[in-house]
């Protein structure tokens, strides 16, 4: 509504660079007044676009930080506490999270590079070796299934199950 009041007096008053109203000199021509109005309208449009751009950049930064936190296994709500000077990149946010994650109760998972042989997990290899050593080969399991299905009596089935 205030803009409408200013627009009503556009012929007599204009805004200067600071946004203050000033009176148009008497010798100004209609062309100068029209150009000044166009300039003020362009400045207003630029301020609105700058505001929208700033808002979009802030939203994109927040979304990127939340995505990095989620992929790290941290609560995305921690994004509200990431300082503004931290770059919204995976490396920068991960470094910040490693440094300050304990404040939020987050402990980063161990890197796979710390394990012997790169990404090989020795516990998993041990379980695989035990399964290979003590497990039944696929052919034997299939044969056992056929023998169970082809058992003709209860005693034969129990003997198969005892021996398996």
Protein backbone atom coordinates (compact mmCIF):
# COMPACT_ATOMS: atom_id res chain seq x y z
CA UNK A 1 0.00 0.00 0.00
CA UNK A 2 2.90 2.35 0.74
CA UNK A 3 4.24 1.70 -2.76
CA UNK A 4 0.93 2.87 -4.21
CA UNK A 5 1.20 6.15 -2.32
CA UNK A 6 4.70 6.71 -3.64
CA UNK A 7 3.56 5.84 -7.17
CA UNK A 8 0.78 8.42 -6.97
CA UNK A 9 3.36 11.14 -6.48
CA UNK A 10 5.83 9.71 -8.96
CA UNK A 11 5.67 12.84 -11.07
CA UNK A 12 6.67 15.02 -8.13
CA UNK A 13 8.89 12.73 -6.07
CA UNK A 14 11.34 9.92 -6.80
CA UNK A 15 13.62 7.72 -4.75
CA UNK A 16 17.32 8.40 -4.72
CA UNK A 17 19.97 5.66 -4.54
CA UNK A 18 19.43 5.24 -0.78
CA UNK A 19 15.69 4.81 -1.20
CA UNK A 20 14.92 8.23 0.28
CA UNK A 21 12.33 10.47 -1.30
CA UNK A 22 13.52 13.69 -2.82
CA UNK A 23 11.75 16.43 -4.69
CA UNK A 24 12.21 16.63 -8.43
CA UNK A 25 13.81 19.88 -9.59
CA UNK A 26 11.38 22.17 -11.40
CA UNK A 27 13.40 22.19 -14.64
CA UNK A 28 13.26 18.33 -15.03
CA UNK A 29 11.62 17.19 -18.19
CA UNK A 30 9.09 14.41 -18.54
CA UNK A 31 11.77 12.24 -20.15
CA UNK A 32 14.06 12.59 -17.11
CA UNK A 33 11.20 11.72 -14.77
CA UNK A 34 10.27 8.70 -16.88
CA UNK A 35 13.90 7.50 -16.99
CA UNK A 36 14.22 7.94 -13.25
CA UNK A 37 11.04 5.86 -12.71
CA UNK A 38 12.40 3.13 -14.99
CA UNK A 39 15.71 3.16 -13.13
CA UNK A 40 13.96 2.86 -9.77
CA UNK A 41 11.78 0.02 -11.08
CA UNK A 42 14.88 -1.81 -12.36
CA UNK A 43 16.63 -1.34 -9.00
CA UNK A 44 13.59 -2.70 -7.18
CA UNK A 45 13.47 -5.72 -9.49
CA UNK A 46 17.19 -6.38 -8.90
CA UNK A 47 16.71 -6.20 -5.11
CA UNK A 48 13.82 -8.70 -5.34
CA UNK A 49 15.84 -11.07 -7.52
CA UNK A 50 18.84 -10.78 -5.18
CA UNK A 51 16.58 -11.66 -2.26
CA UNK A 52 15.11 -14.66 -4.10
CA UNK A 53 18.57 -15.83 -5.18
CA UNK A 54 19.87 -15.54 -1.64
CA UNK A 55 16.94 -17.60 -0.37
CA UNK A 56 17.44 -20.29 -3.02
CA UNK A 57 21.17 -20.51 -2.33
CA UNK A 58 20.50 -20.86 1.38
CA UNK A 59 17.96 -23.64 0.75
CA UNK A 60 20.36 -25.46 -1.60
CA UNK A 61 23.17 -25.21 0.96
CA UNK A 62 20.96 -26.60 3.72
CA UNK A 63 19.72 -29.43 1.50
CA UNK A 64 23.27 -30.36 0.46
CA UNK A 65 24.49 -30.39 4.06
CA UNK A 66 21.52 -32.52 5.15
CA UNK A 67 22.20 -35.00 2.34
CA UNK A 68 25.86 -35.30 3.34
CA UNK A 69 24.93 -35.77 7.00
CA UNK A 70 22.35 -38.43 6.12
CA UNK A 71 24.79 -40.31 3.91
CA UNK A 72 27.32 -40.25 6.78
CA UNK A 73 24.77 -41.76 9.13
CA UNK A 74 24.31 -38.60 11.20
CA UNK A 75 21.02 -36.97 12.07
CA UNK A 76 20.19 -34.40 9.34
CA UNK A 77 18.94 -31.98 12.03
CA UNK A 78 22.61 -31.29 12.83
CA UNK A 79 22.63 -29.17 9.64
CA UNK A 80 21.23 -26.29 11.67
CA UNK A 81 24.49 -26.18 13.64
CA UNK A 82 26.94 -26.30 10.72
CA UNK A 83 28.65 -22.88 10.58
CA UNK A 84 28.02 -20.65 7.60
CA UNK A 85 31.71 -20.57 6.68
CA UNK A 86 31.74 -24.35 6.02
CA UNK A 87 31.55 -25.01 2.28
CA UNK A 88 28.52 -27.14 1.38
CA UNK A 89 30.61 -29.94 -0.14
CA UNK A 90 30.89 -33.54 0.96
CA UNK A 91 34.55 -33.21 1.91
CA UNK A 92 34.12 -30.04 3.97
CA UNK A 93 31.00 -31.23 5.81
CA UNK A 94 32.55 -34.66 6.48
CA UNK A 95 35.66 -33.00 7.90
CA UNK A 96 33.52 -30.77 10.12
CA UNK A 97 31.47 -33.79 11.23
CA UNK A 98 34.61 -35.76 12.12
CA UNK A 99 35.84 -32.84 14.21
CA UNK A 100 32.59 -31.87 15.96
CA UNK A 101 30.40 -34.98 15.57
CA UNK A 102 31.06 -36.14 19.14
CA UNK A 103 29.31 -33.00 20.41
CA UNK A 104 26.12 -34.30 18.80
CA UNK A 105 26.64 -37.92 19.86
CA UNK A 106 27.87 -39.01 16.43
CA UNK A 107 30.89 -41.22 16.03
CA UNK A 108 32.00 -41.74 12.45
CA UNK A 109 32.31 -45.28 11.15
CA UNK A 110 35.82 -46.60 10.75
CA UNK A 111 37.26 -46.04 7.33
CA UNK A 112 37.84 -49.13 5.24
CA UNK A 113 41.42 -47.95 4.64
CA UNK A 114 42.26 -48.71 8.28
CA UNK A 115 41.64 -52.41 7.75
CA UNK A 116 44.38 -54.73 6.57
CA UNK A 117 44.26 -55.47 2.84
CA UNK A 118 42.23 -52.37 2.03
CA UNK A 119 38.51 -53.04 2.21
CA UNK A 120 38.67 -56.71 3.28
CA UNK A 121 36.94 -57.37 6.59
CA UNK A 122 38.82 -60.17 8.39
CA UNK A 123 35.75 -61.23 10.41
CA UNK A 124 33.78 -61.76 7.23
CA UNK A 125 36.62 -63.72 5.64
CA UNK A 126 36.85 -65.91 8.75
CA UNK A 127 33.11 -66.69 8.63
CA UNK A 128 33.36 -67.50 4.93
CA UNK A 129 36.28 -69.86 5.54
CA UNK A 130 34.42 -71.62 8.38
CA UNK A 131 31.34 -72.06 6.20
CA UNK A 132 33.49 -73.48 3.44
CA UNK A 133 35.33 -75.85 5.75
CA UNK A 134 32.37 -77.14 7.74
CA UNK A 135 29.47 -76.60 5.38
CA UNK A 136 28.06 -79.02 2.86
CA UNK A 137 28.85 -78.66 -0.79
CA UNK A 138 25.87 -77.76 -2.95
CA UNK A 139 25.92 -81.16 -4.66
CA UNK A 140 25.72 -83.00 -1.34
CA UNK A 141 22.85 -80.81 -0.14
CA UNK A 142 20.95 -81.50 -3.36
CA UNK A 143 21.62 -85.24 -3.04
CA UNK A 144 20.49 -85.20 0.58
CA UNK A 145 17.27 -83.49 -0.45
CA UNK A 146 16.65 -86.18 -3.08
CA UNK A 147 17.35 -88.95 -0.56
CA UNK A 148 14.89 -87.41 1.94
CA UNK A 149 12.21 -87.10 -0.72
CA UNK A 150 12.79 -90.68 -1.87
CA UNK A 151 12.83 -92.25 1.63
CA UNK A 152 10.33 -95.10 1.74
CA UNK A 153 10.02 -95.52 5.52
CA UNK A 154 10.26 -93.53 8.67
CA UNK A 155 13.33 -95.44 9.87
CA UNK A 156 15.15 -94.74 6.60
CA UNK A 157 14.33 -91.01 6.92
CA UNK A 158 15.57 -90.90 10.54
CA UNK A 159 18.80 -92.67 9.57
CA UNK A 160 19.38 -90.12 6.78
CA UNK A 161 18.79 -87.22 9.16
CA UNK A 162 21.14 -88.68 11.81
CA UNK A 163 23.92 -89.10 9.28
CA UNK A 164 23.48 -85.71 7.70
